């Protein structure tokens, strides 16, 4: 693959209405290719153990701190 041309990326950007500023294409292209490699992991099946452990209770956030 060339460093500057990726037809699928061009299509994605066009569909999203994104025009890249000069000098940003190489970085966006590198990130796009990295994400393509990660997609099978991101879209793969996960168990409940993969869910975030952090939870909160709204009352602890909005409680009156003067009491």
N, C-alpha and C. Protein backbone atom coordinates (compact mmCIF):
# COMPACT_ATOMS: atom_id res chain seq x y z
N UNK A 1 0.83 -1.19 0.00
CA UNK A 1 0.00 0.00 0.00
C UNK A 1 0.87 1.24 0.00
N UNK A 2 0.40 2.23 -0.69
CA UNK A 2 1.18 3.48 -0.71
C UNK A 2 0.97 4.23 0.59
N UNK A 3 1.83 5.16 0.87
CA UNK A 3 1.74 5.93 2.10
C UNK A 3 0.60 6.93 2.09
N UNK A 4 0.14 7.32 0.93
CA UNK A 4 -0.83 8.42 0.89
C UNK A 4 -2.19 8.04 0.32
N UNK A 5 -2.36 6.83 -0.22
CA UNK A 5 -3.61 6.52 -0.89
C UNK A 5 -4.29 5.30 -0.27
N UNK A 6 -5.50 5.48 0.15
CA UNK A 6 -6.32 4.40 0.70
C UNK A 6 -7.75 4.70 0.27
N UNK A 7 -8.23 4.06 -0.80
CA UNK A 7 -9.56 4.36 -1.33
C UNK A 7 -10.68 4.23 -0.29
N UNK A 8 -10.59 3.23 0.59
CA UNK A 8 -11.64 3.05 1.59
C UNK A 8 -11.66 4.22 2.58
N UNK A 9 -10.50 4.70 2.96
CA UNK A 9 -10.44 5.86 3.85
C UNK A 9 -11.01 7.08 3.15
N UNK A 10 -10.67 7.25 1.90
CA UNK A 10 -11.22 8.37 1.13
C UNK A 10 -12.74 8.34 1.13
N UNK A 11 -13.31 7.15 0.96
CA UNK A 11 -14.76 7.00 0.94
C UNK A 11 -15.37 7.32 2.31
N UNK A 12 -14.74 6.81 3.37
CA UNK A 12 -15.24 7.07 4.73
C UNK A 12 -15.22 8.56 5.03
N UNK A 13 -14.15 9.22 4.69
CA UNK A 13 -14.04 10.66 4.93
C UNK A 13 -15.08 11.43 4.12
N UNK A 14 -15.28 11.02 2.88
CA UNK A 14 -16.25 11.70 2.03
C UNK A 14 -17.66 11.53 2.58
N UNK A 15 -18.00 10.30 3.01
CA UNK A 15 -19.33 10.04 3.57
C UNK A 15 -19.57 10.86 4.83
N UNK A 16 -18.52 11.05 5.61
CA UNK A 16 -18.65 11.80 6.86
C UNK A 16 -18.57 13.31 6.63
N UNK A 17 -18.27 13.72 5.41
CA UNK A 17 -18.16 15.14 5.11
C UNK A 17 -16.92 15.78 5.70
N UNK A 18 -15.87 14.98 5.85
CA UNK A 18 -14.64 15.47 6.47
C UNK A 18 -13.61 15.81 5.39
N UNK A 19 -13.08 17.01 5.49
CA UNK A 19 -11.97 17.42 4.64
C UNK A 19 -10.76 17.57 5.55
N UNK A 20 -9.75 16.79 5.28
CA UNK A 20 -8.56 16.83 6.13
C UNK A 20 -7.73 18.07 5.85
N UNK A 21 -7.24 18.70 6.91
CA UNK A 21 -6.33 19.83 6.72
C UNK A 21 -5.02 19.34 6.10
N UNK A 22 -4.34 20.21 5.39
CA UNK A 22 -3.05 19.82 4.82
C UNK A 22 -2.11 19.33 5.92
N UNK A 23 -1.39 18.29 5.63
CA UNK A 23 -0.42 17.76 6.56
C UNK A 23 -0.97 16.75 7.56
N UNK A 24 -2.27 16.49 7.54
CA UNK A 24 -2.87 15.56 8.50
C UNK A 24 -3.14 14.18 7.91
N UNK A 25 -3.09 14.06 6.61
CA UNK A 25 -3.47 12.81 5.96
C UNK A 25 -2.62 11.62 6.41
N UNK A 26 -1.32 11.79 6.49
CA UNK A 26 -0.46 10.65 6.86
C UNK A 26 -0.80 10.14 8.26
N UNK A 27 -1.04 11.05 9.20
CA UNK A 27 -1.40 10.63 10.56
C UNK A 27 -2.75 9.96 10.63
N UNK A 28 -3.72 10.52 9.91
CA UNK A 28 -5.06 9.92 9.88
C UNK A 28 -4.99 8.55 9.20
N UNK A 29 -4.22 8.44 8.15
CA UNK A 29 -4.08 7.18 7.45
C UNK A 29 -3.45 6.12 8.35
N UNK A 30 -2.42 6.48 9.09
CA UNK A 30 -1.78 5.53 10.01
C UNK A 30 -2.77 5.08 11.09
N UNK A 31 -3.53 6.01 11.63
CA UNK A 31 -4.53 5.67 12.65
C UNK A 31 -5.62 4.79 12.08
N UNK A 32 -6.06 5.11 10.88
CA UNK A 32 -7.09 4.31 10.20
C UNK A 32 -6.61 2.87 10.03
N UNK A 33 -5.38 2.70 9.59
CA UNK A 33 -4.84 1.35 9.40
C UNK A 33 -4.70 0.61 10.73
N UNK A 34 -4.30 1.30 11.78
CA UNK A 34 -4.21 0.68 13.11
C UNK A 34 -5.58 0.22 13.59
N UNK A 35 -6.59 1.06 13.38
CA UNK A 35 -7.95 0.69 13.79
C UNK A 35 -8.47 -0.51 12.99
N UNK A 36 -8.11 -0.60 11.73
CA UNK A 36 -8.52 -1.74 10.93
C UNK A 36 -7.95 -3.03 11.50
N UNK A 37 -6.72 -2.98 12.00
CA UNK A 37 -6.09 -4.15 12.62
C UNK A 37 -6.80 -4.51 13.93
N UNK A 38 -7.26 -3.51 14.67
CA UNK A 38 -7.89 -3.73 15.97
C UNK A 38 -9.36 -4.13 15.88
N UNK A 39 -10.00 -3.94 14.75
CA UNK A 39 -11.44 -4.22 14.64
C UNK A 39 -11.85 -5.62 15.06
N UNK A 40 -11.13 -6.66 14.70
CA UNK A 40 -11.57 -7.99 15.17
C UNK A 40 -11.61 -8.10 16.69
N UNK A 41 -10.69 -7.45 17.37
CA UNK A 41 -10.68 -7.48 18.83
C UNK A 41 -11.86 -6.67 19.37
N UNK A 42 -12.07 -5.49 18.79
CA UNK A 42 -13.15 -4.62 19.27
C UNK A 42 -14.53 -5.20 19.02
N UNK A 43 -14.68 -5.91 17.93
CA UNK A 43 -15.98 -6.46 17.56
C UNK A 43 -16.19 -7.89 18.03
N UNK A 44 -15.18 -8.46 18.64
CA UNK A 44 -15.27 -9.85 19.09
C UNK A 44 -16.19 -10.01 20.28
N UNK A 45 -16.58 -11.25 20.53
CA UNK A 45 -17.45 -11.50 21.68
C UNK A 45 -16.70 -11.25 22.99
N UNK A 46 -17.44 -10.74 23.99
CA UNK A 46 -16.85 -10.47 25.29
C UNK A 46 -17.76 -11.03 26.37
N UNK A 47 -17.16 -11.39 27.47
CA UNK A 47 -17.93 -11.88 28.61
C UNK A 47 -18.19 -10.71 29.57
N UNK A 48 -18.96 -10.96 30.60
CA UNK A 48 -19.24 -9.93 31.60
C UNK A 48 -17.96 -9.48 32.28
N UNK A 49 -16.95 -10.33 32.34
CA UNK A 49 -15.68 -9.97 32.97
C UNK A 49 -14.98 -8.84 32.23
N UNK A 50 -15.32 -8.61 30.97
CA UNK A 50 -14.69 -7.56 30.18
C UNK A 50 -15.36 -6.20 30.40
N UNK A 51 -16.46 -6.17 31.12
CA UNK A 51 -17.17 -4.92 31.36
C UNK A 51 -16.44 -4.08 32.40
N UNK A 52 -16.57 -2.76 32.31
CA UNK A 52 -15.91 -1.90 33.30
C UNK A 52 -16.45 -2.18 34.71
N UNK A 53 -15.56 -2.11 35.68
CA UNK A 53 -15.95 -2.38 37.06
C UNK A 53 -16.48 -1.14 37.76
N UNK A 54 -16.16 0.03 37.23
CA UNK A 54 -16.56 1.26 37.91
C UNK A 54 -18.05 1.52 37.80
N UNK A 55 -18.68 1.78 38.91
CA UNK A 55 -20.10 2.18 38.94
C UNK A 55 -20.23 3.36 39.88
N UNK A 56 -21.34 4.04 39.81
CA UNK A 56 -21.59 5.13 40.74
C UNK A 56 -23.08 5.18 41.06
N UNK A 57 -23.37 5.78 42.16
CA UNK A 57 -24.75 6.00 42.58
C UNK A 57 -24.97 7.50 42.53
N UNK A 58 -26.00 7.92 41.81
CA UNK A 58 -26.23 9.35 41.59
C UNK A 58 -26.36 10.11 42.91
N UNK A 59 -26.91 9.48 43.95
CA UNK A 59 -27.06 10.15 45.25
C UNK A 59 -25.72 10.57 45.85
N UNK A 60 -24.68 9.80 45.58
CA UNK A 60 -23.37 10.17 46.15
C UNK A 60 -22.75 11.35 45.43
N UNK A 61 -23.22 11.64 44.26
CA UNK A 61 -22.69 12.76 43.48
C UNK A 61 -23.42 14.05 43.81
N UNK A 62 -24.73 13.95 44.02
CA UNK A 62 -25.53 15.17 44.20
C UNK A 62 -25.93 15.43 45.66
N UNK A 63 -25.43 14.61 46.57
CA UNK A 63 -25.84 14.78 47.98
C UNK A 63 -25.38 16.13 48.52
N UNK A 64 -26.06 16.58 49.50
CA UNK A 64 -25.73 17.85 50.16
C UNK A 64 -24.49 17.65 51.02
N UNK A 65 -23.44 18.34 50.68
CA UNK A 65 -22.17 18.16 51.40
C UNK A 65 -22.10 18.98 52.69
N UNK A 66 -23.11 19.77 53.00
CA UNK A 66 -23.08 20.59 54.22
C UNK A 66 -23.62 19.82 55.41
N UNK A 67 -24.22 18.67 55.16
CA UNK A 67 -24.81 17.90 56.28
C UNK A 67 -23.77 17.17 57.07
